[in-house]
Amino acid sequence: MSGDGRVARDTMLGLMKTCRKLGPSFWRHLGDRLGLADKAIPPLATLVVTKA
């Protein structure tokens, strides 16, 4: 696996773990961020601050 591939994998795994911890579906969150959905889920940074 290339260095870029490792970075991409680690990023996605980190997002998945954060979503699992905070509650929103990872796939729904990803769709929202990519513009495939209606932005129903706030940015993860907002959720982290809210949960803190």
C-alpha atoms as a PDB file:
ATOM      1  CA  MET A   1       0.000   0.000   0.000  1.00  0.00           C
ATOM      2  CA  SER A   2       1.301   3.446  -0.849  1.00  0.00           C
ATOM      3  CA  GLY A   3       1.861   6.171   1.709  1.00  0.00           C
ATOM      4  CA  ASP A   4      -1.129   8.085   0.356  1.00  0.00           C
ATOM      5  CA  GLY A   5      -3.239   4.941   0.638  1.00  0.00           C
ATOM      6  CA  ARG A   6      -2.282   4.537   4.285  1.00  0.00           C
ATOM      7  CA  VAL A   7      -3.146   8.153   5.017  1.00  0.00           C
ATOM      8  CA  ALA A   8      -6.541   7.767   3.308  1.00  0.00           C
ATOM      9  CA  ARG A   9      -7.256   4.522   5.184  1.00  0.00           C
ATOM     10  CA  ASP A  10      -6.260   6.020   8.528  1.00  0.00           C
ATOM     11  CA  THR A  11      -8.393   9.097   7.876  1.00  0.00           C
ATOM     12  CA  MET A  12     -11.474   7.035   7.033  1.00  0.00           C
ATOM     13  CA  LEU A  13     -10.974   4.735  10.025  1.00  0.00           C
ATOM     14  CA  GLY A  14     -10.623   7.755  12.304  1.00  0.00           C
ATOM     15  CA  LEU A  15     -13.836   9.238  10.917  1.00  0.00           C
ATOM     16  CA  MET A  16     -15.634   5.919  11.339  1.00  0.00           C
ATOM     17  CA  LYS A  17     -14.547   5.643  14.969  1.00  0.00           C
ATOM     18  CA  THR A  18     -15.520   9.230  15.698  1.00  0.00           C
ATOM     19  CA  CYS A  19     -18.942   8.768  14.115  1.00  0.00           C
ATOM     20  CA  ARG A  20     -19.474   5.551  16.058  1.00  0.00           C
ATOM     21  CA  LYS A  21     -18.553   7.339  19.282  1.00  0.00           C
ATOM     22  CA  LEU A  22     -20.738  10.406  18.635  1.00  0.00           C
ATOM     23  CA  GLY A  23     -23.725   8.665  17.082  1.00  0.00           C
ATOM     24  CA  PRO A  24     -24.190   9.674  13.435  1.00  0.00           C
ATOM     25  CA  SER A  25     -23.923   7.096  10.687  1.00  0.00           C
ATOM     26  CA  PHE A  26     -20.515   7.252   9.027  1.00  0.00           C
ATOM     27  CA  TRP A  27     -22.008   6.733   5.572  1.00  0.00           C
ATOM     28  CA  ARG A  28     -24.675   9.386   6.108  1.00  0.00           C
ATOM     29  CA  HIS A  29     -22.023  11.794   7.395  1.00  0.00           C
ATOM     30  CA  LEU A  30     -19.806  11.073   4.394  1.00  0.00           C
ATOM     31  CA  GLY A  31     -22.720  11.639   2.015  1.00  0.00           C
ATOM     32  CA  ASP A  32     -23.507  14.946   3.704  1.00  0.00           C
ATOM     33  CA  ARG A  33     -19.908  16.126   3.426  1.00  0.00           C
ATOM     34  CA  LEU A  34     -19.677  15.090  -0.232  1.00  0.00           C
ATOM     35  CA  GLY A  35     -22.893  16.913  -1.086  1.00  0.00           C
ATOM     36  CA  LEU A  36     -24.897  13.754  -1.750  1.00  0.00           C
ATOM     37  CA  ALA A  37     -27.394  14.439   1.024  1.00  0.00           C
ATOM     38  CA  ASP A  38     -29.208  17.395   2.547  1.00  0.00           C
ATOM     39  CA  LYS A  39     -26.626  18.360   5.230  1.00  0.00           C
ATOM     40  CA  ALA A  40     -28.771  16.879   7.986  1.00  0.00           C
ATOM     41  CA  ILE A  41     -25.727  15.983  10.084  1.00  0.00           C
ATOM     42  CA  PRO A  42     -23.649  18.840  11.499  1.00  0.00           C
ATOM     43  CA  PRO A  43     -19.868  18.804  11.045  1.00  0.00           C
ATOM     44  CA  LEU A  44     -18.089  16.411  13.403  1.00  0.00           C
ATOM     45  CA  ALA A  45     -16.247  19.310  15.033  1.00  0.00           C
ATOM     46  CA  THR A  46     -19.605  20.694  16.152  1.00  0.00           C
ATOM     47  CA  LEU A  47     -20.638  17.319  17.556  1.00  0.00           C
ATOM     48  CA  VAL A  48     -17.335  16.952  19.417  1.00  0.00           C
ATOM     49  CA  VAL A  49     -17.720  20.366  21.046  1.00  0.00           C
ATOM     50  CA  THR A  50     -21.343  19.615  21.933  1.00  0.00           C
ATOM     51  CA  LYS A  51     -20.426  16.289  23.571  1.00  0.00           C
ATOM     52  CA  ALA A  52     -17.479  17.769  25.503  1.00  0.00           C
END
